Amino acid sequence: KAAVIREWVAQGRLAPVDPHHLIFSIWATTQHY
């Protein structure tokens, strides 16, 4: 899935972001609840 996000960034469909850090951030915020 990180490869999918990296491809979106390369295609200019997402702002430059490290895929793993994006996934970690989603895990951290959603699981907090």
Full PDB file with SEQRES, HELIX, SHEET, SSBOND, CRYST1, ORIGX, SCALE, CONECT and MASTER records, all heavy atoms in Angstrom:
SEQRES   1 A   33  LYS ALA ALA VAL ILE ARG GLU TRP VAL ALA GLN GLY ARG          
SEQRES   2 A   33  LEU ALA PRO VAL ASP PRO HIS HIS LEU ILE PHE SER ILE          
SEQRES   3 A   33  TRP ALA THR THR GLN HIS TYR                                  
HELIX    1 AA1 ALA A    2  ALA A   10  1                                   9    
HELIX    2 AA2 PRO A   19  HIS A   32  1                                  14    
CRYST1    1.000    1.000    1.000  90.00  90.00  90.00 P 1           1          
ORIGX1      1.000000  0.000000  0.000000        0.00000                         
ORIGX2      0.000000  1.000000  0.000000        0.00000                         
ORIGX3      0.000000  0.000000  1.000000        0.00000                         
SCALE1      1.000000  0.000000  0.000000        0.00000                         
SCALE2      0.000000  1.000000  0.000000        0.00000                         
SCALE3      0.000000  0.000000  1.000000        0.00000                         
ATOM      1  N   LYS A   1       0.826  -1.209   0.000  1.00  0.00           N  
ATOM      2  CA  LYS A   1       0.000   0.000   0.000  1.00  0.00           C  
ATOM      3  C   LYS A   1       0.860   1.260   0.000  1.00  0.00           C  
ATOM      4  O   LYS A   1       0.463   2.293  -0.547  1.00  0.00           O  
ATOM      5  CB  LYS A   1      -0.945  -0.012   1.199  1.00  0.00           C  
ATOM      6  CG  LYS A   1      -1.925  -1.186   1.183  1.00  0.00           C  
ATOM      7  CD  LYS A   1      -2.670  -1.295  -0.148  1.00  0.00           C  
ATOM      8  CE  LYS A   1      -3.625  -2.485  -0.169  1.00  0.00           C  
ATOM      9  NZ  LYS A   1      -4.361  -2.585  -1.456  1.00  0.00           N  
ATOM     10  N   ALA A   2       2.046   1.176   0.597  1.00  0.00           N  
ATOM     11  CA  ALA A   2       2.975   2.313   0.536  1.00  0.00           C  
ATOM     12  C   ALA A   2       3.390   2.566  -0.915  1.00  0.00           C  
ATOM     13  O   ALA A   2       3.543   3.721  -1.345  1.00  0.00           O  
ATOM     14  CB  ALA A   2       4.200   2.046   1.404  1.00  0.00           C  
ATOM     15  N   ALA A   3       3.549   1.494  -1.688  1.00  0.00           N  
ATOM     16  CA  ALA A   3       3.898   1.637  -3.094  1.00  0.00           C  
ATOM     17  C   ALA A   3       2.769   2.334  -3.867  1.00  0.00           C  
ATOM     18  O   ALA A   3       3.029   3.140  -4.774  1.00  0.00           O  
ATOM     19  CB  ALA A   3       4.186   0.269  -3.703  1.00  0.00           C  
ATOM     20  N   VAL A   4       1.529   2.030  -3.511  1.00  0.00           N  
ATOM     21  CA  VAL A   4       0.379   2.683  -4.148  1.00  0.00           C  
ATOM     22  C   VAL A   4       0.403   4.179  -3.848  1.00  0.00           C  
ATOM     23  O   VAL A   4       0.252   5.014  -4.750  1.00  0.00           O  
ATOM     24  CB  VAL A   4      -0.943   2.064  -3.645  1.00  0.00           C  
ATOM     25  CG1 VAL A   4      -2.139   2.900  -4.107  1.00  0.00           C  
ATOM     26  CG2 VAL A   4      -1.077   0.626  -4.134  1.00  0.00           C  
ATOM     27  N   ILE A   5       0.605   4.541  -2.587  1.00  0.00           N  
ATOM     28  CA  ILE A   5       0.642   5.956  -2.202  1.00  0.00           C  
ATOM     29  C   ILE A   5       1.812   6.656  -2.872  1.00  0.00           C  
ATOM     30  O   ILE A   5       1.694   7.797  -3.356  1.00  0.00           O  
ATOM     31  CB  ILE A   5       0.726   6.082  -0.668  1.00  0.00           C  
ATOM     32  CG1 ILE A   5      -0.541   5.514  -0.023  1.00  0.00           C  
ATOM     33  CG2 ILE A   5       0.935   7.534  -0.250  1.00  0.00           C  
ATOM     34  CD1 ILE A   5      -0.462   5.366   1.489  1.00  0.00           C  
ATOM     35  N   ARG A   6       2.960   5.988  -2.933  1.00  0.00           N  
ATOM     36  CA  ARG A   6       4.148   6.566  -3.578  1.00  0.00           C  
ATOM     37  C   ARG A   6       3.875   6.837  -5.052  1.00  0.00           C  
ATOM     38  O   ARG A   6       4.325   7.852  -5.612  1.00  0.00           O  
ATOM     39  CB  ARG A   6       5.324   5.615  -3.401  1.00  0.00           C  
ATOM     40  CG  ARG A   6       6.684   6.233  -3.688  1.00  0.00           C  
ATOM     41  CD  ARG A   6       7.813   5.285  -3.333  1.00  0.00           C  
ATOM     42  NE  ARG A   6       7.946   5.123  -1.882  1.00  0.00           N  
ATOM     43  CZ  ARG A   6       7.680   4.005  -1.237  1.00  0.00           C  
ATOM     44  NH1 ARG A   6       7.275   2.930  -1.893  1.00  0.00           N  
ATOM     45  NH2 ARG A   6       7.832   3.944   0.076  1.00  0.00           N  
ATOM     46  N   GLU A   7       3.132   5.946  -5.680  1.00  0.00           N  
ATOM     47  CA  GLU A   7       2.770   6.124  -7.087  1.00  0.00           C  
ATOM     48  C   GLU A   7       1.838   7.320  -7.256  1.00  0.00           C  
ATOM     49  O   GLU A   7       1.984   8.103  -8.200  1.00  0.00           O  
ATOM     50  CB  GLU A   7       2.101   4.855  -7.603  1.00  0.00           C  
ATOM     51  CG  GLU A   7       1.790   4.870  -9.090  1.00  0.00           C  
ATOM     52  CD  GLU A   7       1.230   3.551  -9.575  1.00  0.00           C  
ATOM     53  OE1 GLU A   7       1.802   2.499  -9.202  1.00  0.00           O  
ATOM     54  OE2 GLU A   7       0.221   3.564 -10.311  1.00  0.00           O  
ATOM     55  N   TRP A   8       0.885   7.487  -6.336  1.00  0.00           N  
ATOM     56  CA  TRP A   8       0.001   8.653  -6.399  1.00  0.00           C  
ATOM     57  C   TRP A   8       0.794   9.952  -6.286  1.00  0.00           C  
ATOM     58  O   TRP A   8       0.512  10.923  -6.987  1.00  0.00           O  
ATOM     59  CB  TRP A   8      -1.025   8.581  -5.264  1.00  0.00           C  
ATOM     60  CG  TRP A   8      -2.090   7.544  -5.457  1.00  0.00           C  
ATOM     61  CD1 TRP A   8      -2.466   6.957  -6.631  1.00  0.00           C  
ATOM     62  CD2 TRP A   8      -2.924   6.980  -4.447  1.00  0.00           C  
ATOM     63  NE1 TRP A   8      -3.489   6.066  -6.413  1.00  0.00           N  
ATOM     64  CE2 TRP A   8      -3.795   6.054  -5.084  1.00  0.00           C  
ATOM     65  CE3 TRP A   8      -3.033   7.160  -3.074  1.00  0.00           C  
ATOM     66  CZ2 TRP A   8      -4.747   5.317  -4.393  1.00  0.00           C  
ATOM     67  CZ3 TRP A   8      -3.993   6.426  -2.369  1.00  0.00           C  
ATOM     68  CH2 TRP A   8      -4.834   5.523  -3.024  1.00  0.00           C  
ATOM     69  N   VAL A   9       1.777   9.958  -5.393  1.00  0.00           N  
ATOM     70  CA  VAL A   9       2.616  11.154  -5.236  1.00  0.00           C  
ATOM     71  C   VAL A   9       3.386  11.415  -6.524  1.00  0.00           C  
ATOM     72  O   VAL A   9       3.457  12.554  -7.005  1.00  0.00           O  
ATOM     73  CB  VAL A   9       3.580  10.988  -4.045  1.00  0.00           C  
ATOM     74  CG1 VAL A   9       4.584  12.141  -4.000  1.00  0.00           C  
ATOM     75  CG2 VAL A   9       2.809  10.919  -2.728  1.00  0.00           C  
ATOM     76  N   ALA A  10       3.981  10.380  -7.104  1.00  0.00           N  
ATOM     77  CA  ALA A  10       4.762  10.525  -8.334  1.00  0.00           C  
ATOM     78  C   ALA A  10       3.905  11.029  -9.491  1.00  0.00           C  
ATOM     79  O   ALA A  10       4.390  11.757 -10.372  1.00  0.00           O  
ATOM     80  CB  ALA A  10       5.403   9.187  -8.694  1.00  0.00           C  
ATOM     81  N   GLN A  11       2.624  10.661  -9.484  1.00  0.00           N  
ATOM     82  CA  GLN A  11       1.704  11.093 -10.541  1.00  0.00           C  
ATOM     83  C   GLN A  11       1.160  12.490 -10.299  1.00  0.00           C  
ATOM     84  O   GLN A  11       0.392  13.011 -11.122  1.00  0.00           O  
ATOM     85  CB  GLN A  11       0.539  10.105 -10.634  1.00  0.00           C  
ATOM     86  CG  GLN A  11       0.935   8.719 -11.124  1.00  0.00           C  
ATOM     87  CD  GLN A  11      -0.198   7.701 -10.975  1.00  0.00           C  
ATOM     88  OE1 GLN A  11      -1.203   7.961 -10.293  1.00  0.00           O  
ATOM     89  NE2 GLN A  11      -0.049   6.555 -11.613  1.00  0.00           N  
ATOM     90  N   GLY A  12       1.543  13.090  -9.174  1.00  0.00           N  
ATOM     91  CA  GLY A  12       1.052  14.426  -8.854  1.00  0.00           C  
ATOM     92  C   GLY A  12      -0.372  14.435  -8.341  1.00  0.00           C  
ATOM     93  O   GLY A  12      -1.040  15.473  -8.337  1.00  0.00           O  
ATOM     94  N   ARG A  13      -0.857  13.287  -7.870  1.00  0.00           N  
ATOM     95  CA  ARG A  13      -2.229  13.197  -7.380  1.00  0.00           C  
ATOM     96  C   ARG A  13      -2.310  13.410  -5.870  1.00  0.00           C  
ATOM     97  O   ARG A  13      -3.387  13.585  -5.313  1.00  0.00           O  
ATOM     98  CB  ARG A  13      -2.813  11.837  -7.749  1.00  0.00           C  
ATOM     99  CG  ARG A  13      -2.815  11.587  -9.250  1.00  0.00           C  
ATOM    100  CD  ARG A  13      -3.192  10.159  -9.581  1.00  0.00           C  
ATOM    101  NE  ARG A  13      -4.600   9.902  -9.329  1.00  0.00           N  
ATOM    102  CZ  ARG A  13      -5.134   8.684  -9.303  1.00  0.00           C  
ATOM    103  NH1 ARG A  13      -4.341   7.612  -9.476  1.00  0.00           N  
ATOM    104  NH2 ARG A  13      -6.421   8.524  -9.088  1.00  0.00           N  
ATOM    105  N   LEU A  14      -1.161  13.378  -5.205  1.00  0.00           N  
ATOM    106  CA  LEU A  14      -1.051  13.692  -3.777  1.00  0.00           C  
ATOM    107  C   LEU A  14       0.167  14.572  -3.571  1.00  0.00           C  
ATOM    108  O   LEU A  14       1.149  14.478  -4.317  1.00  0.00           O  
ATOM    109  CB  LEU A  14      -0.884  12.417  -2.946  1.00  0.00           C  
ATOM    110  CG  LEU A  14      -2.085  11.537  -2.649  1.00  0.00           C  
ATOM    111  CD1 LEU A  14      -1.652  10.370  -1.753  1.00  0.00           C  
ATOM    112  CD2 LEU A  14      -3.223  12.308  -1.986  1.00  0.00           C  
ATOM    113  N   ALA A  15       0.102  15.402  -2.540  1.00  0.00           N  
ATOM    114  CA  ALA A  15       1.274  16.204  -2.184  1.00  0.00           C  
ATOM    115  C   ALA A  15       2.391  15.273  -1.720  1.00  0.00           C  
ATOM    116  O   ALA A  15       2.126  14.159  -1.256  1.00  0.00           O  
ATOM    117  CB  ALA A  15       0.911  17.184  -1.071  1.00  0.00           C  
ATOM    118  N   PRO A  16       3.645  15.698  -1.865  1.00  0.00           N  
ATOM    119  CA  PRO A  16       4.763  14.844  -1.431  1.00  0.00           C  
ATOM    120  C   PRO A  16       4.627  14.465   0.042  1.00  0.00           C  
ATOM    121  O   PRO A  16       4.522  15.314   0.916  1.00  0.00           O  
ATOM    122  CB  PRO A  16       5.986  15.733  -1.665  1.00  0.00           C  
ATOM    123  CG  PRO A  16       5.563  16.656  -2.752  1.00  0.00           C  
ATOM    124  CD  PRO A  16       4.111  16.944  -2.489  1.00  0.00           C  
ATOM    125  N   VAL A  17       4.596  13.179   0.306  1.00  0.00           N  
ATOM    126  CA  VAL A  17       4.468  12.674   1.664  1.00  0.00           C  
ATOM    127  C   VAL A  17       5.084  11.282   1.706  1.00  0.00           C  
ATOM    128  O   VAL A  17       4.994  10.531   0.729  1.00  0.00           O  
ATOM    129  CB  VAL A  17       2.977  12.623   2.101  1.00  0.00           C  
ATOM    130  CG1 VAL A  17       2.178  11.684   1.212  1.00  0.00           C  
ATOM    131  CG2 VAL A  17       2.840  12.222   3.559  1.00  0.00           C  
ATOM    132  N   ASP A  18       5.722  10.940   2.811  1.00  0.00           N  
ATOM    133  CA  ASP A  18       6.255   9.595   2.958  1.00  0.00           C  
ATOM    134  C   ASP A  18       5.094   8.657   3.270  1.00  0.00           C  
ATOM    135  O   ASP A  18       4.356   8.857   4.241  1.00  0.00           O  
ATOM    136  CB  ASP A  18       7.283   9.549   4.091  1.00  0.00           C  
ATOM    137  CG  ASP A  18       7.856   8.153   4.262  1.00  0.00           C  
ATOM    138  OD1 ASP A  18       7.251   7.353   5.006  1.00  0.00           O  
ATOM    139  OD2 ASP A  18       8.906   7.862   3.653  1.00  0.00           O  
ATOM    140  N   PRO A  19       4.900   7.615   2.460  1.00  0.00           N  
ATOM    141  CA  PRO A  19       3.742   6.738   2.649  1.00  0.00           C  
ATOM    142  C   PRO A  19       3.679   6.078   4.021  1.00  0.00           C  
ATOM    143  O   PRO A  19       2.596   5.971   4.614  1.00  0.00           O  
ATOM    144  CB  PRO A  19       3.909   5.685   1.544  1.00  0.00           C  
ATOM    145  CG  PRO A  19       4.773   6.324   0.524  1.00  0.00           C  
ATOM    146  CD  PRO A  19       5.689   7.225   1.280  1.00  0.00           C  
ATOM    147  N   HIS A  20       4.809   5.628   4.533  1.00  0.00           N  
ATOM    148  CA  HIS A  20       4.794   4.937   5.822  1.00  0.00           C  
ATOM    149  C   HIS A  20       4.401   5.895   6.948  1.00  0.00           C  
ATOM    150  O   HIS A  20       3.618   5.535   7.835  1.00  0.00           O  
ATOM    151  CB  HIS A  20       6.155   4.300   6.110  1.00  0.00           C  
ATOM    152  CG  HIS A  20       6.421   3.087   5.279  1.00  0.00           C  
ATOM    153  ND1 HIS A  20       7.101   3.131   4.078  1.00  0.00           N  
ATOM    154  CD2 HIS A  20       6.067   1.774   5.456  1.00  0.00           C  
ATOM    155  CE1 HIS A  20       7.176   1.919   3.565  1.00  0.00           C  
ATOM    156  NE2 HIS A  20       6.557   1.074   4.369  1.00  0.00           N  
ATOM    157  N   HIS A  21       4.915   7.107   6.904  1.00  0.00           N  
ATOM    158  CA  HIS A  21       4.546   8.068   7.948  1.00  0.00           C  
ATOM    159  C   HIS A  21       3.071   8.453   7.851  1.00  0.00           C  
ATOM    160  O   HIS A  21       2.421   8.704   8.876  1.00  0.00           O  
ATOM    161  CB  HIS A  21       5.444   9.310   7.876  1.00  0.00           C  
ATOM    162  CG  HIS A  21       6.851   9.057   8.313  1.00  0.00           C  
ATOM    163  ND1 HIS A  21       7.165   8.653   9.597  1.00  0.00           N  
ATOM    164  CD2 HIS A  21       8.027   9.124   7.640  1.00  0.00           C  
ATOM    165  CE1 HIS A  21       8.474   8.492   9.701  1.00  0.00           C  
ATOM    166  NE2 HIS A  21       9.014   8.764   8.533  1.00  0.00           N  
ATOM    167  N   LEU A  22       2.543   8.495   6.636  1.00  0.00           N  
ATOM    168  CA  LEU A  22       1.115   8.770   6.470  1.00  0.00           C  
ATOM    169  C   LEU A  22       0.291   7.651   7.099  1.00  0.00           C  
ATOM    170  O   LEU A  22      -0.654   7.913   7.861  1.00  0.00           O  
ATOM    171  CB  LEU A  22       0.773   8.897   4.979  1.00  0.00           C  
ATOM    172  CG  LEU A  22      -0.720   9.026   4.644  1.00  0.00           C  
ATOM    173  CD1 LEU A  22      -1.336  10.243   5.324  1.00  0.00           C  
ATOM    174  CD2 LEU A  22      -0.926   9.080   3.132  1.00  0.00           C  
ATOM    175  N   ILE A  23       0.640   6.404   6.818  1.00  0.00           N  
ATOM    176  CA  ILE A  23      -0.086   5.265   7.386  1.00  0.00           C  
ATOM    177  C   ILE A  23       0.041   5.253   8.907  1.00  0.00           C  
ATOM    178  O   ILE A  23      -0.943   5.042   9.625  1.00  0.00           O  
ATOM    179  CB  ILE A  23       0.440   3.950   6.780  1.00  0.00           C  
ATOM    180  CG1 ILE A  23       0.072   3.883   5.290  1.00  0.00           C  
ATOM    181  CG2 ILE A  23      -0.133   2.739   7.524  1.00  0.00           C  
ATOM    182  CD1 ILE A  23       0.730   2.729   4.539  1.00  0.00           C  
ATOM    183  N   PHE A  24       1.251   5.505   9.428  1.00  0.00           N  
ATOM    184  CA  PHE A  24       1.452   5.536  10.882  1.00  0.00           C  
ATOM    185  C   PHE A  24       0.586   6.619  11.525  1.00  0.00           C  
ATOM    186  O   PHE A  24       0.020   6.412  12.614  1.00  0.00           O  
ATOM    187  CB  PHE A  24       2.918   5.794  11.222  1.00  0.00           C  
ATOM    188  CG  PHE A  24       3.867   4.713  10.762  1.00  0.00           C  
ATOM    189  CD1 PHE A  24       5.222   4.987  10.619  1.00  0.00           C  
ATOM    190  CD2 PHE A  24       3.414   3.436  10.466  1.00  0.00           C  
ATOM    191  CE1 PHE A  24       6.100   3.996  10.194  1.00  0.00           C  
ATOM    192  CE2 PHE A  24       4.288   2.438  10.040  1.00  0.00           C  
ATOM    193  CZ  PHE A  24       5.645   2.728   9.904  1.00  0.00           C  
ATOM    194  N   SER A  25       0.489   7.777  10.877  1.00  0.00           N  
ATOM    195  CA  SER A  25      -0.312   8.878  11.432  1.00  0.00           C  
ATOM    196  C   SER A  25      -1.791   8.513  11.495  1.00  0.00           C  
ATOM    197  O   SER A  25      -2.484   8.835  12.471  1.00  0.00           O  
ATOM    198  CB  SER A  25      -0.128  10.151  10.585  1.00  0.00           C  
ATOM    199  OG  SER A  25       1.205  10.613  10.649  1.00  0.00           O  
ATOM    200  N   ILE A  26      -2.280   7.823  10.455  1.00  0.00           N  
ATOM    201  CA  ILE A  26      -3.677   7.394  10.448  1.00  0.00           C  
ATOM    202  C   ILE A  26      -3.921   6.367  11.551  1.00  0.00           C  
ATOM    203  O   ILE A  26      -4.920   6.435  12.277  1.00  0.00           O  
ATOM    204  CB  ILE A  26      -4.060   6.831   9.066  1.00  0.00           C  
ATOM    205  CG1 ILE A  26      -4.026   7.951   8.019  1.00  0.00           C  
ATOM    206  CG2 ILE A  26      -5.448   6.187   9.113  1.00  0.00           C  
ATOM    207  CD1 ILE A  26      -4.212   7.460   6.588  1.00  0.00           C  
ATOM    208  N   TRP A  27      -3.004   5.424  11.696  1.00  0.00           N  
ATOM    209  CA  TRP A  27      -3.142   4.439  12.772  1.00  0.00           C  
ATOM    210  C   TRP A  27      -3.194   5.126  14.132  1.00  0.00           C  
ATOM    211  O   TRP A  27      -4.041   4.816  14.974  1.00  0.00           O  
ATOM    212  CB  TRP A  27      -1.961   3.471  12.753  1.00  0.00           C  
ATOM    213  CG  TRP A  27      -1.960   2.504  11.621  1.00  0.00           C  
ATOM    214  CD1 TRP A  27      -2.951   2.312  10.679  1.00  0.00           C  
ATOM    215  CD2 TRP A  27      -0.910   1.596  11.280  1.00  0.00           C  
ATOM    216  NE1 TRP A  27      -2.579   1.352   9.781  1.00  0.00           N  
ATOM    217  CE2 TRP A  27      -1.336   0.880  10.126  1.00  0.00           C  
ATOM    218  CE3 TRP A  27       0.335   1.313  11.830  1.00  0.00           C  
ATOM    219  CZ2 TRP A  27      -0.537  -0.098   9.524  1.00  0.00           C  
ATOM    220  CZ3 TRP A  27       1.127   0.333  11.232  1.00  0.00           C  
ATOM    221  CH2 TRP A  27       0.690  -0.356  10.097  1.00  0.00           C  
ATOM    222  N   ALA A  28      -2.254   6.047  14.353  1.00  0.00           N  
ATOM    223  CA  ALA A  28      -2.150   6.689  15.668  1.00  0.00           C  
ATOM    224  C   ALA A  28      -3.411   7.456  16.027  1.00  0.00           C  
ATOM    225  O   ALA A  28      -3.912   7.364  17.160  1.00  0.00           O  
ATOM    226  CB  ALA A  28      -0.933   7.619  15.696  1.00  0.00           C  
ATOM    227  N   THR A  29      -3.935   8.221  15.075  1.00  0.00           N  
ATOM    228  CA  THR A  29      -5.101   9.053  15.386  1.00  0.00           C  
ATOM    229  C   THR A  29      -6.378   8.226  15.525  1.00  0.00           C  
ATOM    230  O   THR A  29      -7.171   8.438  16.442  1.00  0.00           O  
ATOM    231  CB  THR A  29      -5.308  10.133  14.305  1.00  0.00           C  
ATOM    232  OG1 THR A  29      -5.292   9.530  13.004  1.00  0.00           O  
ATOM    233  CG2 THR A  29      -4.209  11.181  14.373  1.00  0.00           C  
ATOM    234  N   THR A  30      -6.589   7.282  14.623  1.00  0.00           N  
ATOM    235  CA  THR A  30      -7.846   6.523  14.669  1.00  0.00           C  
ATOM    236  C   THR A  30      -7.889   5.564  15.852  1.00  0.00           C  
ATOM    237  O   THR A  30      -8.939   5.392  16.481  1.00  0.00           O  
ATOM    238  CB  THR A  30      -8.061   5.744  13.357  1.00  0.00           C  
ATOM    239  OG1 THR A  30      -6.928   4.895  13.109  1.00  0.00           O  
ATOM    240  CG2 THR A  30      -8.232   6.693  12.183  1.00  0.00           C  
ATOM    241  N   GLN A  31      -6.774   4.925  16.166  1.00  0.00           N  
ATOM    242  CA  GLN A  31      -6.771   3.965  17.268  1.00  0.00           C  
ATOM    243  C   GLN A  31      -6.788   4.628  18.640  1.00  0.00           C  
ATOM    244  O   GLN A  31      -7.153   3.993  19.630  1.00  0.00           O  
ATOM    245  CB  GLN A  31      -5.538   3.054  17.152  1.00  0.00           C  
ATOM    246  CG  GLN A  31      -5.667   2.053  16.018  1.00  0.00           C  
ATOM    247  CD  GLN A  31      -4.345   1.404  15.669  1.00  0.00           C  
ATOM    248  OE1 GLN A  31      -3.950   1.383  14.525  1.00  0.00           O  
ATOM    249  NE2 GLN A  31      -3.654   0.876  16.658  1.00  0.00           N  
ATOM    250  N   HIS A  32      -6.409   5.880  18.691  1.00  0.00           N  
ATOM    251  CA  HIS A  32      -6.435   6.601  19.969  1.00  0.00           C  
ATOM    252  C   HIS A  32      -7.813   6.541  20.613  1.00  0.00           C  
ATOM    253  O   HIS A  32      -7.935   6.425  21.831  1.00  0.00           O  
ATOM    254  CB  HIS A  32      -6.031   8.061  19.734  1.00  0.00           C  
ATOM    255  CG  HIS A  32      -6.071   8.900  20.971  1.00  0.00           C  
ATOM    256  ND1 HIS A  32      -4.988   9.065  21.800  1.00  0.00           N  
ATOM    257  CD2 HIS A  32      -7.077   9.632  21.528  1.00  0.00           C  
ATOM    258  CE1 HIS A  32      -5.316   9.853  22.811  1.00  0.00           C  
ATOM    259  NE2 HIS A  32      -6.577  10.210  22.673  1.00  0.00           N  
ATOM    260  N   TYR A  33      -8.850   6.584  19.790  1.00  0.00           N  
ATOM    261  CA  TYR A  33     -10.212   6.648  20.317  1.00  0.00           C  
ATOM    262  C   TYR A  33     -10.641   5.352  21.003  1.00  0.00           C  
ATOM    263  O   TYR A  33     -11.554   5.366  21.825  1.00  0.00           O  
ATOM    264  CB  TYR A  33     -11.189   7.014  19.189  1.00  0.00           C  
ATOM    265  CG  TYR A  33     -11.006   8.442  18.732  1.00  0.00           C  
ATOM    266  CD1 TYR A  33     -10.076   8.748  17.737  1.00  0.00           C  
ATOM    267  CD2 TYR A  33     -11.715   9.479  19.315  1.00  0.00           C  
ATOM    268  CE1 TYR A  33      -9.876  10.055  17.330  1.00  0.00           C  
ATOM    269  CE2 TYR A  33     -11.536  10.793  18.912  1.00  0.00           C  
ATOM    270  CZ  TYR A  33     -10.601  11.082  17.919  1.00  0.00           C  
ATOM    271  OH  TYR A  33     -10.393  12.370  17.531  1.00  0.00           O  
TER     272      TYR A  33                                                      
MASTER        0    0    0    2    0    0    0    6  271    1    0    3          
END                                                                             
